[in-house]
Protein backbone atom coordinates (compact mmCIF):
# COMPACT_ATOMS: atom_id res chain seq x y z
CA MET A 1 -51.25 17.27 11.80
CA ALA A 2 -49.32 15.09 9.37
CA GLU A 3 -45.69 15.79 8.51
CA ARG A 4 -45.00 17.63 5.24
CA GLY A 5 -45.28 15.21 2.31
CA LEU A 6 -47.28 12.77 4.44
CA ASP A 7 -51.09 12.60 4.40
CA ASP A 8 -53.24 11.79 7.43
CA PHE A 9 -53.78 8.21 6.33
CA GLN A 10 -50.02 7.55 6.11
CA ALA A 11 -49.42 9.20 9.47
CA SER A 12 -52.10 6.98 11.01
CA ALA A 13 -50.55 3.92 9.37
CA ALA A 14 -47.15 4.83 10.81
CA HIS A 15 -48.69 5.19 14.24
CA SER A 16 -50.20 1.69 13.88
CA VAL A 17 -46.74 0.32 13.12
CA VAL A 18 -45.41 1.92 16.29
CA LEU A 19 -48.23 0.30 18.30
CA ARG A 20 -47.38 -3.06 16.79
CA VAL A 21 -43.74 -2.61 17.81
CA GLU A 22 -44.88 -1.75 21.33
CA LYS A 23 -46.90 -4.98 21.56
CA MET A 24 -43.94 -7.01 20.33
CA LEU A 25 -41.65 -5.45 22.91
CA ASP A 26 -44.18 -6.05 25.68
CA SER A 27 -44.49 -9.70 24.65
CA SER A 28 -40.70 -10.12 24.53
CA CYS A 29 -40.27 -8.55 27.97
CA ARG A 30 -42.97 -10.76 29.55
CA ALA A 31 -41.46 -13.91 28.08
CA ILE A 32 -37.97 -12.97 29.28
CA GLU A 33 -39.17 -12.08 32.79
CA THR A 34 -41.09 -15.36 33.19
CA GLY A 35 -38.08 -17.36 32.06
CA ASP A 36 -39.88 -18.94 29.09
CA ILE A 37 -36.84 -19.49 26.90
CA SER A 38 -38.72 -20.84 23.88
CA GLU A 39 -41.28 -18.05 23.92
CA SER A 40 -38.67 -15.34 24.47
CA LYS A 41 -36.59 -16.56 21.52
CA TYR A 42 -39.67 -16.48 19.30
CA THR A 43 -40.91 -13.04 20.37
CA VAL A 44 -37.45 -11.44 20.25
CA SER A 45 -36.80 -12.90 16.80
CA GLU A 46 -40.19 -11.66 15.57
CA PHE A 47 -39.44 -8.18 16.96
CA VAL A 48 -35.98 -8.02 15.35
CA ASP A 49 -37.26 -9.23 11.97
CA PHE A 50 -40.02 -6.61 11.99
CA LEU A 51 -37.57 -3.80 12.77
CA GLU A 52 -35.37 -4.97 9.92
CA THR A 53 -38.23 -4.78 7.43
CA ILE A 54 -38.89 -1.20 8.53
CA SER A 55 -35.22 -0.12 8.19
CA ASP A 56 -34.84 -1.96 4.86
CA ALA A 57 -37.90 -0.19 3.45
CA ALA A 58 -36.62 3.22 4.50
CA ILE A 59 -33.14 2.65 3.07
CA SER A 60 -34.44 1.09 -0.15
CA HIS A 61 -36.89 3.97 -0.76
CA PRO A 62 -35.25 7.18 0.49
CA GLU A 63 -37.67 9.25 -1.59
CA ASN A 64 -40.72 7.75 0.15
CA PRO A 65 -41.79 10.07 3.02
CA TYR A 66 -43.94 7.36 4.63
CA SER A 67 -41.03 4.89 4.92
CA GLN A 68 -38.74 7.58 6.29
CA TYR A 69 -41.29 8.83 8.83
CA THR A 70 -42.19 5.33 9.98
CA ALA A 71 -38.55 4.37 10.52
CA ARG A 72 -37.87 7.53 12.53
CA GLU A 73 -40.99 7.10 14.69
CA VAL A 74 -40.37 3.40 15.38
CA LEU A 75 -36.75 3.95 16.33
CA SER A 76 -37.69 6.89 18.53
CA PHE A 77 -40.24 4.74 20.34
CA VAL A 78 -37.72 1.92 20.85
CA SER A 79 -35.29 4.43 22.36
CA ARG A 80 -37.93 5.76 24.79
CA TYR A 81 -39.04 2.25 25.72
CA TRP A 82 -35.43 1.19 26.27
CA CYS A 83 -34.87 4.05 28.69
CA SER A 84 -37.80 3.04 30.92
CA PRO A 85 -36.70 2.52 34.55
CA ALA A 86 -39.30 -0.26 34.84
CA LEU A 87 -37.30 -2.65 32.62
CA LYS A 88 -35.57 -5.42 34.52
CA GLN A 89 -31.91 -6.36 34.12
CA GLU A 90 -32.67 -9.71 32.52
CA VAL A 91 -34.54 -7.88 29.76
CA PHE A 92 -31.52 -5.69 29.10
CA ASP A 93 -29.22 -8.71 29.07
CA VAL A 94 -31.31 -10.58 26.49
CA LEU A 95 -32.38 -7.75 24.18
CA SER A 96 -28.90 -6.18 24.20
CA LEU A 97 -27.71 -9.24 22.29
CA GLU A 98 -29.79 -8.11 19.31
CA LEU A 99 -30.54 -4.40 19.61
CA PRO A 100 -27.10 -2.93 18.67
CA THR A 101 -27.16 -4.77 15.35
CA VAL A 102 -30.77 -4.02 14.47
CA VAL A 103 -30.83 -0.35 15.50
CA SER A 104 -27.54 0.33 13.69
CA LYS A 105 -29.36 -0.57 10.46
CA PHE A 106 -31.43 2.58 10.91
CA ALA A 107 -28.31 4.77 10.94
CA GLY A 108 -28.29 5.15 7.18
CA VAL A 109 -31.86 6.43 7.05
CA SER A 110 -31.18 9.94 8.36
CA ASP A 111 -29.01 11.92 10.77
CA VAL A 112 -31.84 11.81 13.32
CA CYS A 113 -31.95 8.00 13.12
CA LEU A 114 -28.15 7.88 13.42
CA GLU A 115 -28.29 9.86 16.64
CA THR A 116 -31.19 7.83 18.03
CA ALA A 117 -29.46 4.52 17.22
CA GLY A 118 -26.43 5.80 19.12
CA CYS A 119 -28.62 6.55 22.15
CA VAL A 120 -30.03 3.01 22.18
CA ILE A 121 -26.54 1.48 21.95
CA HIS A 122 -25.28 3.78 24.69
CA GLN A 123 -28.13 2.62 26.96
CA CYS A 124 -27.17 -1.01 26.28
CA ILE A 125 -23.61 -0.25 27.32
CA ALA A 126 -24.74 1.55 30.45
CA LYS A 127 -26.94 -1.35 31.61
CA CYS A 128 -24.93 -4.43 30.59
CA ASN A 129 -21.59 -6.09 31.31
CA PRO A 130 -18.87 -4.24 29.34
CA ARG A 131 -17.04 -7.42 28.42
CA ASP A 132 -20.24 -8.85 26.92
CA MET A 133 -21.01 -5.58 25.16
CA LEU A 134 -17.56 -5.47 23.58
CA SER A 135 -18.19 -8.87 21.99
CA ILE A 136 -21.73 -7.90 20.98
CA LEU A 137 -20.60 -4.68 19.29
CA CYS A 138 -17.75 -6.44 17.46
CA GLU A 139 -20.17 -9.08 16.21
CA ALA A 140 -22.56 -6.34 15.13
CA LEU A 141 -19.73 -4.71 13.19
CA THR A 142 -18.97 -7.89 11.28
CA LYS A 143 -22.65 -8.21 10.36
CA THR A 144 -22.77 -4.66 8.99
CA ILE A 145 -19.52 -4.85 7.03
CA LYS A 146 -21.44 -4.66 3.73
CA ALA A 147 -23.42 -1.62 4.89
CA PRO A 148 -20.88 1.07 5.86
CA ALA A 149 -23.56 3.60 6.79
CA ASN A 150 -24.50 1.39 9.76
CA ILE A 151 -21.01 1.33 11.24
CA ALA A 152 -20.89 4.79 12.79
CA PRO A 153 -22.99 4.23 15.96
CA LEU A 154 -21.23 0.94 16.64
CA LEU A 155 -17.80 2.60 16.49
CA THR A 156 -18.93 5.27 18.94
CA GLY A 157 -20.31 2.52 21.17
CA LEU A 158 -16.93 0.78 21.17
CA SER A 159 -15.26 4.02 22.28
CA THR A 160 -17.56 4.05 25.30
CA VAL A 161 -17.43 0.36 26.22
CA ILE A 162 -13.61 0.25 26.12
CA LEU A 163 -13.57 2.82 28.92
CA ARG A 164 -15.89 0.65 31.02
CA ILE A 165 -13.74 -2.50 30.90
CA GLN A 166 -12.46 -3.29 34.39
CA ARG A 167 -9.88 -6.06 33.84
CA HIS A 168 -7.95 -7.97 31.16
CA HIS A 169 -7.86 -4.79 29.07
CA PHE A 170 -5.17 -5.90 26.63
CA ALA A 171 -6.79 -9.27 25.84
CA GLN A 172 -10.17 -7.70 25.17
CA VAL A 173 -8.96 -4.73 23.14
CA LYS A 174 -6.72 -7.07 21.14
CA GLU A 175 -9.82 -8.97 20.02
CA ALA A 176 -11.63 -5.78 19.00
CA VAL A 177 -8.87 -3.98 17.07
CA PRO A 178 -8.65 -6.38 14.07
CA VAL A 179 -12.43 -6.29 13.70
CA ILE A 180 -12.46 -2.49 13.69
CA VAL A 181 -9.61 -2.23 11.19
CA ASN A 182 -11.11 -4.79 8.80
CA VAL A 183 -14.52 -3.12 8.88
CA LEU A 184 -13.00 0.30 8.22
CA LYS A 185 -10.95 -1.11 5.38
CA ALA A 186 -14.05 -2.60 3.77
CA ALA A 187 -15.98 0.62 4.35
CA SER A 188 -13.26 2.76 2.79
CA LEU A 189 -13.41 0.68 -0.39
CA ASP A 190 -17.21 0.82 -0.50
CA ILE A 191 -17.72 4.56 0.07
CA GLU A 192 -14.51 6.03 -1.36
CA ASP A 193 -16.54 8.46 -3.45
CA ARG A 194 -18.26 9.94 -0.38
CA ALA A 195 -15.43 11.65 1.46
CA THR A 196 -17.57 13.29 4.16
CA GLU A 197 -19.12 10.00 5.23
CA LEU A 198 -15.73 8.34 5.25
CA GLU A 199 -14.18 11.14 7.31
CA ASP A 200 -16.94 10.70 9.89
CA LEU A 201 -16.09 7.01 10.27
CA PHE A 202 -12.39 7.79 10.68
CA ASP A 203 -13.23 10.47 13.24
CA ARG A 204 -15.02 7.80 15.26
CA ALA A 205 -12.04 5.48 14.80
CA VAL A 206 -9.83 8.21 16.28
CA GLY A 207 -12.26 8.33 19.20
CA ILE A 208 -11.57 4.63 19.83
CA ALA A 209 -7.83 5.40 19.87
CA SER A 210 -8.47 8.09 22.48
CA SER A 211 -10.38 5.61 24.64
CA ILE A 212 -7.56 3.04 24.40
CA HIS A 213 -5.06 5.72 25.35
CA GLU A 214 -7.13 6.76 28.36
CA VAL A 215 -7.15 3.16 29.54
CA CYS A 216 -3.37 3.01 29.02
CA THR A 217 -2.82 5.98 31.33
CA ASN A 218 -4.58 4.16 34.15
CA LEU A 219 -2.57 0.94 33.84
CA GLU A 220 0.91 0.11 35.06
CA GLY A 221 3.61 -2.42 34.34
CA ARG A 222 3.57 -5.00 31.57
CA SER A 223 -0.12 -4.53 30.78
CA ASN A 224 0.53 -0.86 30.16
CA GLU A 225 3.40 -1.57 27.75
CA LYS A 226 1.44 -4.17 25.78
CA LEU A 227 -1.63 -1.97 25.46
CA TYR A 228 0.50 1.00 24.33
CA ALA A 229 2.07 -1.23 21.66
CA LEU A 230 -1.39 -2.32 20.53
CA LEU A 231 -2.52 1.30 20.42
CA GLY A 232 0.47 2.16 18.26
CA LEU A 233 -0.36 -0.59 15.78
CA TYR A 234 -4.00 0.48 15.68
CA VAL A 235 -3.15 4.14 15.10
CA LEU A 236 -0.71 3.30 12.33
CA HIS A 237 -3.23 1.03 10.63
CA ILE A 238 -5.83 3.80 10.70
CA MET A 239 -3.30 6.29 9.37
CA ALA A 240 -2.56 3.88 6.53
CA LEU A 241 -6.26 3.56 5.72
CA VAL A 242 -6.64 7.34 5.73
CA SER A 243 -3.69 7.58 3.33
CA VAL A 244 -5.18 5.04 0.96
CA SER A 245 -8.75 6.30 1.14
CA ILE A 246 -8.77 10.08 1.12
CA SER A 247 -5.23 11.37 0.62
CA HIS A 248 -6.09 12.39 -2.94
CA GLU A 249 -7.81 15.34 -1.24
CA LYS A 250 -5.18 16.17 1.36
CA SER A 251 -7.18 19.00 2.87
CA ASN A 252 -9.92 16.52 3.78
CA CYS A 253 -7.65 14.39 5.91
CA HIS A 254 -5.37 16.96 7.56
CA HIS A 255 -7.29 16.98 10.82
CA LEU A 256 -7.37 13.18 10.95
CA LEU A 257 -3.62 12.89 10.40
CA LEU A 258 -2.96 15.57 12.99
CA GLN A 259 -5.05 13.74 15.58
CA LEU A 260 -3.49 10.38 14.80
CA SER A 261 0.03 11.81 14.92
CA ARG A 262 -0.50 12.91 18.51
CA PHE A 263 -0.47 9.26 19.52
CA VAL A 264 2.97 8.55 18.00
CA PRO A 265 5.08 9.87 20.91
CA LYS A 266 2.58 8.55 23.44
CA CYS A 267 3.12 5.04 22.09
CA ARG A 268 6.91 5.35 22.39
CA LEU A 269 7.28 5.41 18.61
CA SER A 270 9.62 7.63 16.59
CA TYR A 271 9.85 8.61 12.95
CA LEU A 272 13.33 7.07 12.71
CA GLY A 273 12.10 3.83 14.24
CA LEU A 274 9.10 3.75 11.92
CA ILE A 275 10.90 4.61 8.71
CA THR A 276 13.61 2.01 9.34
CA GLY A 277 11.17 -0.59 10.68
CA ALA A 278 12.95 -0.84 14.03
CA ASP A 279 9.92 0.09 16.16
CA VAL A 280 7.39 -2.26 14.65
CA ASP A 281 8.47 -5.44 12.89
CA LYS A 282 6.66 -6.75 9.83
CA MET A 283 4.31 -3.78 9.51
CA THR A 284 3.73 -2.94 5.87
CA SER A 285 1.92 0.34 6.27
CA ILE A 286 3.53 2.28 9.11
CA VAL A 287 5.96 4.30 7.02
CA ARG A 288 3.08 6.33 5.56
CA GLY A 289 2.90 8.24 8.83
CA VAL A 290 6.46 9.47 8.31
CA ILE A 291 5.72 10.40 4.70
CA TRP A 292 2.78 12.50 5.89
CA GLY A 293 5.16 14.17 8.32
CA HIS A 294 7.38 14.91 5.31
CA ILE A 295 4.39 16.40 3.44
CA LEU A 296 2.68 18.30 6.25
CA ASP A 297 4.61 20.18 8.93
CA GLY A 298 1.63 20.05 11.28
CA VAL A 299 1.66 16.25 11.31
CA ALA A 300 5.31 16.17 12.33
CA GLN A 301 4.71 18.77 15.04
CA GLU A 302 1.86 16.77 16.54
CA ALA A 303 4.10 13.70 16.50
CA GLU A 304 6.78 15.78 18.26
CA GLU A 305 9.24 14.90 15.51
CA ASP A 306 11.87 16.78 13.53
CA VAL A 307 11.70 15.36 10.01
CA THR A 308 14.83 17.28 8.97
CA ALA A 309 16.82 15.61 11.73
CA VAL A 310 15.52 12.20 10.67
CA LYS A 311 16.61 12.88 7.09
CA ASP A 312 20.07 13.95 8.26
CA ILE A 313 20.50 10.69 10.16
CA LEU A 314 19.45 8.66 7.15
CA ARG A 315 21.78 10.57 4.83
CA SER A 316 24.76 9.84 7.06
CA ASN A 317 23.95 6.22 7.90
CA GLN A 318 23.96 3.79 5.00
CA LEU A 319 22.50 0.86 6.91
CA LYS A 320 19.55 2.90 8.16
CA ARG A 321 18.98 4.11 4.59
CA TRP A 322 18.80 0.51 3.48
CA GLU A 323 16.39 -0.33 6.29
CA THR A 324 14.28 2.61 5.19
CA LEU A 325 14.17 1.24 1.65
CA GLY A 326 12.64 -1.94 3.01
CA MET A 327 9.77 0.13 4.43
CA LEU A 328 9.34 2.55 1.53
CA ARG A 329 8.96 -0.28 -0.96
CA HIS A 330 5.51 -1.04 0.45
CA ILE A 331 4.34 2.42 -0.59
CA PHE A 332 5.77 2.09 -4.09
CA ALA A 333 4.32 -1.40 -4.61
CA PHE A 334 0.86 -0.88 -3.08
CA PRO A 335 -1.51 -0.45 -6.06
CA ASN A 336 -4.31 1.37 -4.21
CA LEU A 337 -2.20 4.22 -2.84
CA PRO A 338 -2.71 7.57 -4.60
CA TRP A 339 0.05 8.65 -6.98
CA ASP A 340 0.46 11.88 -5.02
CA LEU A 341 1.51 9.97 -1.91
CA LYS A 342 3.90 7.83 -3.95
CA LYS A 343 5.38 11.00 -5.40
CA GLN A 344 6.01 12.34 -1.90
CA ALA A 345 7.62 9.03 -0.94
CA VAL A 346 9.92 9.29 -3.97
CA ASN A 347 10.82 12.85 -2.96
CA PHE A 348 11.56 11.61 0.56
CA LEU A 349 13.84 8.92 -0.88
CA LEU A 350 15.61 11.49 -3.05
CA SER A 351 16.12 13.73 -0.01
CA ILE A 352 17.83 10.98 2.03
CA THR A 353 20.06 9.85 -0.86
CA ASP A 354 21.19 13.38 -1.64
CA GLY A 355 24.94 13.57 -1.17
CA GLN A 356 25.53 10.20 0.48
CA SER A 357 29.05 8.87 0.22
CA SER A 358 29.69 6.19 -2.37
CA PRO A 359 30.11 2.63 -1.05
CA LEU A 360 33.65 1.23 -1.00
CA CYS A 361 34.42 -1.96 -2.89
CA ASP A 362 36.80 -3.18 -0.17
CA ASP A 363 34.55 -2.53 2.83
CA GLU A 364 34.83 -5.71 4.92
CA HIS A 365 32.87 -4.47 7.92
CA THR A 366 29.39 -4.40 6.42
CA ASP A 367 27.34 -7.48 5.62
CA PHE A 368 26.00 -6.27 2.31
CA SER A 369 24.32 -9.55 1.38
CA SER A 370 21.80 -9.50 4.23
CA TYR A 371 20.35 -6.20 2.96
CA MET A 372 20.16 -7.15 -0.71
CA PRO A 373 16.71 -8.82 -0.66
CA ASN A 374 15.15 -5.63 0.75
CA ILE A 375 17.00 -3.44 -1.72
CA PHE A 376 16.05 -5.71 -4.61
CA ALA A 377 12.38 -5.59 -3.57
CA ALA A 378 12.59 -1.80 -3.25
CA LEU A 379 14.08 -1.44 -6.72
CA GLN A 380 11.38 -3.69 -8.14
CA ALA A 381 8.74 -1.51 -6.48
CA ILE A 382 10.31 1.67 -7.89
CA THR A 383 10.23 0.16 -11.38
CA MET A 384 6.47 -0.29 -10.94
CA VAL A 385 6.18 3.45 -10.35
CA ILE A 386 8.32 4.15 -13.42
CA MET A 387 6.23 1.85 -15.60
CA TYR A 388 2.71 2.66 -14.48
CA THR A 389 2.53 6.28 -13.33
CA PRO A 390 0.66 8.61 -15.69
CA ASP A 391 2.69 11.53 -14.27
CA THR A 392 5.74 12.30 -16.44
CA MET A 393 7.48 14.20 -13.64
CA LEU A 394 6.95 11.34 -11.18
CA ARG A 395 8.41 8.93 -13.73
CA LYS A 396 11.54 11.07 -13.98
CA LEU A 397 11.83 11.43 -10.20
CA ALA A 398 11.38 7.67 -9.71
CA TYR A 399 14.07 6.97 -12.30
CA ASP A 400 16.46 9.34 -10.49
CA ALA A 401 15.63 7.63 -7.19
CA PHE A 402 16.26 4.23 -8.77
CA LYS A 403 19.73 5.28 -9.92
CA ARG A 404 20.56 6.74 -6.51
CA VAL A 405 19.59 3.54 -4.75
CA LEU A 406 21.82 1.59 -7.12
CA ALA A 407 24.69 4.02 -6.53
CA ASP A 408 24.36 3.40 -2.79
CA VAL A 409 25.19 -0.28 -3.26
CA GLU A 410 28.64 -1.85 -3.53
CA ILE A 411 29.57 -2.43 -7.16
CA SER A 412 29.47 -6.24 -7.35
CA GLN A 413 26.07 -6.30 -5.67
CA ARG A 414 24.95 -3.54 -8.03
CA PHE A 415 25.61 -5.74 -11.06
CA ASP A 416 23.82 -8.69 -9.46
CA LEU A 417 20.82 -6.50 -8.65
CA LEU A 418 20.52 -5.22 -12.22
CA LYS A 419 20.90 -8.73 -13.58
CA ALA A 420 18.18 -10.06 -11.25
CA LEU A 421 15.87 -7.17 -12.16
CA ILE A 422 16.33 -7.84 -15.86
CA LYS A 423 15.52 -11.51 -15.37
CA ASN A 424 12.43 -10.77 -13.29
CA THR A 425 10.88 -7.95 -15.33
CA ASN A 426 8.14 -8.56 -17.88
CA SER A 427 8.17 -5.12 -19.47
CA SER A 428 10.29 -4.88 -22.62
CA SER A 429 10.73 -1.12 -22.18
CA MET A 430 11.84 -1.50 -18.55
CA ILE A 431 14.38 -4.16 -19.49
CA ALA A 432 15.72 -1.79 -22.14
CA ILE A 433 16.16 0.91 -19.48
CA LEU A 434 17.95 -1.53 -17.16
CA ILE A 435 20.31 -2.68 -19.93
CA ASP A 436 21.10 0.95 -20.74
CA LEU A 437 21.97 1.42 -17.05
CA VAL A 438 24.41 -1.49 -17.30
CA ARG A 439 26.04 0.18 -20.30
CA GLY A 440 26.23 3.42 -18.33
CA GLU A 441 27.97 1.65 -15.45
CA LEU A 442 30.47 0.11 -17.87
CA HIS A 443 31.18 3.53 -19.35
CA MET A 444 31.74 5.11 -15.90
CA GLU A 445 34.13 2.33 -14.90
CA ARG A 446 36.09 2.77 -18.10
CA CYS A 447 36.37 6.53 -17.54
CA LYS A 448 37.61 5.98 -13.97
CA ARG A 449 40.15 3.44 -15.18
CA LEU A 450 41.48 5.87 -17.78
CA SER A 451 41.67 8.75 -15.30
CA ALA A 452 43.65 6.55 -12.91
CA LYS A 453 46.08 5.39 -15.55
CA ASN A 454 49.05 7.41 -14.25
CA ASP A 455 48.23 7.08 -10.56
CA GLU A 456 49.93 3.99 -9.07
CA VAL A 457 47.77 3.96 -5.93
CA GLN A 458 44.56 4.25 -7.88
CA GLN A 459 45.80 1.66 -10.37
CA LYS A 460 46.31 -0.78 -7.50
CA GLU A 461 42.85 -0.07 -6.12
CA SER A 462 41.40 -0.49 -9.59
CA LYS A 463 43.12 -3.86 -9.94
CA ASP A 464 41.93 -5.00 -6.51
CA CYS A 465 38.37 -4.10 -7.40
CA GLN A 466 38.48 -5.71 -10.84
CA THR A 467 36.77 -8.86 -9.59
CA LEU A 468 33.94 -6.61 -8.39
CA SER A 469 33.67 -4.83 -11.73
CA PHE A 470 30.83 -4.67 -14.22
CA TRP A 471 33.43 -5.71 -16.78
CA ASN A 472 32.94 -9.46 -16.50
CA ALA A 473 31.47 -12.32 -18.51
CA GLY A 474 28.06 -11.69 -16.97
CA VAL A 475 27.54 -8.80 -19.38
CA LEU A 476 27.32 -11.18 -22.32
CA GLU A 477 24.76 -13.23 -20.42
CA LEU A 478 22.52 -10.17 -20.31
CA VAL A 479 22.88 -9.70 -24.08
CA GLU A 480 22.01 -13.35 -24.64
CA LEU A 481 18.90 -13.10 -22.46
CA VAL A 482 17.50 -10.65 -25.01
CA LEU A 483 18.92 -11.81 -28.33
CA ARG A 484 18.38 -15.49 -27.59
CA PRO A 485 15.56 -15.70 -25.00
CA PRO A 486 15.59 -18.69 -22.61
CA LYS A 487 12.31 -19.95 -24.09
CA GLY A 488 14.03 -20.34 -27.46
CA GLY A 489 14.09 -18.56 -30.78
CA PRO A 490 15.05 -14.97 -31.56
CA PRO A 491 13.20 -12.11 -29.83
CA SER A 492 9.79 -10.95 -31.03
CA LEU A 493 9.83 -8.01 -33.43
CA PRO A 494 8.71 -5.28 -33.66
CA GLU A 495 7.13 -5.67 -30.18
CA HIS A 496 10.50 -5.95 -28.43
CA GLY A 497 12.39 -3.62 -30.69
CA ASP A 498 13.38 -1.29 -27.82
CA VAL A 499 15.06 -3.96 -25.70
CA VAL A 500 16.71 -5.58 -28.74
CA LEU A 501 18.22 -2.21 -29.65
CA SER A 502 19.52 -1.76 -26.09
CA ALA A 503 21.07 -5.23 -26.08
CA LEU A 504 22.76 -4.65 -29.46
CA ASN A 505 24.10 -1.27 -28.30
CA LEU A 506 25.48 -2.91 -25.16
CA TYR A 507 27.17 -5.64 -27.19
CA ARG A 508 28.65 -3.16 -29.67
CA PHE A 509 29.92 -0.93 -26.83
CA VAL A 510 31.62 -3.84 -25.06
CA LEU A 511 33.14 -5.17 -28.28
CA LEU A 512 34.55 -1.79 -29.32
CA THR A 513 35.82 -0.92 -25.83
CA GLU A 514 37.57 -4.25 -25.27
CA SER A 515 39.12 -4.01 -28.75
CA THR A 516 40.37 -0.45 -28.20
CA GLY A 517 41.75 -1.17 -24.73
CA GLU A 518 43.27 -4.50 -25.77
CA THR A 519 41.49 -6.19 -22.89
CA ASN A 520 39.10 -9.11 -22.67
CA TYR A 521 37.47 -8.79 -19.26
CA THR A 522 34.09 -9.91 -20.61
CA GLU A 523 35.62 -12.59 -22.92
CA VAL A 524 33.82 -10.89 -25.79
CA LEU A 525 36.95 -11.17 -28.00
CA SER A 526 37.38 -14.91 -27.43
CA LYS A 527 36.93 -16.79 -30.69
CA ASN A 528 34.28 -19.13 -29.34
CA LYS A 529 32.33 -16.18 -27.91
CA LEU A 530 32.55 -14.31 -31.21
CA GLN A 531 31.40 -17.36 -33.15
CA LYS A 532 28.52 -17.98 -30.74
CA ALA A 533 27.36 -14.36 -31.00
CA TYR A 534 27.58 -14.54 -34.79
CA ASP A 535 25.81 -17.88 -35.25
CA GLU A 536 23.26 -17.84 -32.40
CA TRP A 537 22.46 -14.15 -31.90
CA LEU A 538 23.19 -11.95 -34.86
CA LEU A 539 22.45 -14.09 -37.93
CA PRO A 540 19.08 -15.42 -36.60
CA LEU A 541 18.14 -11.85 -35.70
CA ARG A 542 19.05 -10.68 -39.21
CA THR A 543 16.86 -13.41 -40.73
CA LEU A 544 13.97 -12.43 -38.47
CA LEU A 545 14.40 -8.74 -39.18
CA THR A 546 14.48 -9.31 -42.94
CA GLY A 547 11.29 -11.35 -42.77
CA VAL A 548 9.47 -8.76 -40.64
CA MET A 549 10.48 -5.98 -43.02
CA ALA A 550 9.24 -8.02 -46.00
CA GLU A 551 5.89 -8.70 -44.32
CA ASN A 552 5.66 -5.02 -43.50
CA ARG A 553 5.23 -4.15 -47.17
CA ASN A 554 1.79 -5.78 -47.12
CA ASP A 555 0.56 -3.79 -44.09
CA SER A 556 -1.29 -0.50 -44.11
CA VAL A 557 0.72 2.66 -44.68
CA GLU A 558 0.31 3.85 -41.08
CA LEU A 559 1.33 0.48 -39.59
CA ALA A 560 4.22 0.21 -42.03
CA ILE A 561 5.59 3.59 -40.99
CA ASP A 562 5.42 2.63 -37.30
CA THR A 563 7.26 -0.64 -37.94
CA VAL A 564 9.98 1.06 -40.00
CA CYS A 565 10.52 3.72 -37.34
CA THR A 566 10.88 1.00 -34.70
CA LEU A 567 13.13 -1.35 -36.64
CA ASN A 568 15.40 1.00 -38.63
CA PRO A 569 17.65 1.74 -35.61
CA VAL A 570 17.74 -1.98 -34.79
CA GLU A 571 18.76 -2.78 -38.36
CA LEU A 572 21.57 -0.20 -38.36
CA VAL A 573 23.12 -1.39 -35.09
CA LEU A 574 22.65 -5.08 -35.98
CA TYR A 575 24.55 -4.77 -39.25
CA ARG A 576 27.31 -2.82 -37.52
CA CYS A 577 27.64 -5.60 -34.92
CA ILE A 578 27.78 -8.21 -37.67
CA GLU A 579 30.55 -6.28 -39.44
CA LEU A 580 32.57 -5.95 -36.23
CA VAL A 581 32.25 -9.66 -35.39
CA GLU A 582 33.18 -10.74 -38.93
CA GLU A 583 36.25 -8.50 -38.76
CA LYS A 584 37.33 -9.97 -35.41
CA LEU A 585 36.77 -13.53 -36.61
CA LYS A 586 39.00 -12.87 -39.63
CA GLN A 587 41.73 -11.52 -37.35
CA SER A 588 41.56 -14.62 -35.15
CA THR A 589 42.13 -17.06 -38.01
C-alpha cells in the first residue's frame, strides 16, 4: 500500500530508484574488490552523483511527497547495505571517503533522514581508521559549509571519532577544531532566524567538547596540558558564538552556557584570568563567558566561580581593571553582538569601577603609558556604544562608564586620551560630548585649586601637579581643531553646529577663567593667541554664519526653523567670544 499522499505508480517508481542504487553499489563493490582502480573510480563517482540528485530533489521540493519518500527509502537502503557483514574492509576504506559527505546531504530532508545519515557515518567510523575518518569528516564539513542543515550528523560523527583516536591526540584535534569553529560560525550566520536548529548544532558542538575532555582525562604529562589548553580555547570560541547567535533570547541558550561553563575549571581557567586576559593571550572573545556569569548565576556556579569576588578584586586593583578594559573592548566594538549583551558588559564595567580610588598624579611606581593603548581602544569602543545604540538607557550607562574609565586614569594621560579621541572621531555629536568633558575637567580642576587656596600642603601638591593639568596650551589646540579644521576653511554649518557650539563654549570658559584668576596657563591671554583666535577662528566663523543665515531665508519654513534653532545658540556664544577678545586686545595695546 502506498504511503499517504503517494499513489501506487510513484511508490513503484521510488522502488525502482532503490533497485538502481543497489545495482550501483554492487558494481562499485565488485570493482573495488577486484582492484580495478579505473572502474571503481567510475562506479563510485556515478553512485555518489546519483545520490546527490536524489537529495537535491528532496530538499528543493519539500512539498513533493514522491521526492521525500524516495530520498528516505534510498538512504534507508544504503544504511542497511552498509551494515552488511559480507562487505570487505577495502570496500569500507574506499566508500568511506565519499559516503559521509553524500549522506549528510540527506540530513536536511527530514528527521528520519538525519538519524539514518548519522547511522551510516557511525558505521564508517566503526569500520575505518579513526585518523583517516577525522580528516574525512573535517573535509565533509568544509564541503557542507553553505548547507548548515547537513552539518549535524558530521558533528556527531566527530564526537565519536575523537574518542577512537589512539595516538597524537593533540595534533589531530588541533587540525579539527578550527574547521568545526569556522563551520559553526558560518552556520550561525546562515540560520540565525531558526533558533531551534541552531541550538541543535551547538548541542552537538558541546558533545565534541565532552569527547575532547574525555580524551584529556586519559592522557598525562605535556600532551594532557596542551590538549586541555586547546579544549579551553574551543569551549570559549563556542561560548562566543552562542553569545553572538542566540543571546537575544537568553532562555534559549541557558542550557548551552551552563554546559560550556562546566569546562572552565576543568581547563584550569578562571574568571579573573579570562576577564584580564591573563589565561589566554590574544583571544578576542573569551570575556563573554565572564559576562554570562555576571548575567546568569547558574553559569558562574557551573564554572565554579564567585563573580562577586572577581569584581572585588578588580575594584581594588587598578592594573587588573585596566587589563579587563582591554578584554571588554572587544564586546563593545563587535558589531554583531546583541545590544543586551553589550548592556550587561557596560553594567559589569560600572560595577568594577564603583568606588575605586582616584589615581595619584605623582605615582612613580606604575607604568601608565604601557596601558594607554588598551584604555584608548576601550574608550573608542565605548563611544561606539554611545553613538549607535537605539537604547536610551544603555547610552546613558555607557556614558557613565566612559567617564569612570577616564577618572581611573592619571590626569596628564586623561587629557592625552581625550585629545586623541577627538582627533580620531568622525561623529560631530561625539566630538561635542568629548569637548564638553574637557571643559568639565577644567572646571573641576579650578574648583579644587580654589578649595586648596588656604592649605599650604595642598597648594604645594597643586603646584607640583600643574604640569599634569588640563590647564595647558593643548586646550586651545582642541578649539582650533573645530573652528579651523586641519583640512582648511571654517567648519561646516549647520551640520556641525553642535561641535562648534561646544568649542566656542570651551574657548569662552577658558578665556573668562584665566582673566578672572589672573593666570595664563593655556596662553589664551597672550596677544598673539588672542589675535590668532580673532583673525583665524572667530571672524571667518562669523562670515560663514552670516552667509548661512542669509541663505536660510530662501529655504522652506520647516527647514528654516530647524536651521535657526541649531545656529541661534552658536551665534550668541560666537558674538560673546568676539566681544571678549576685542576687549582683551584693547587692554593689551
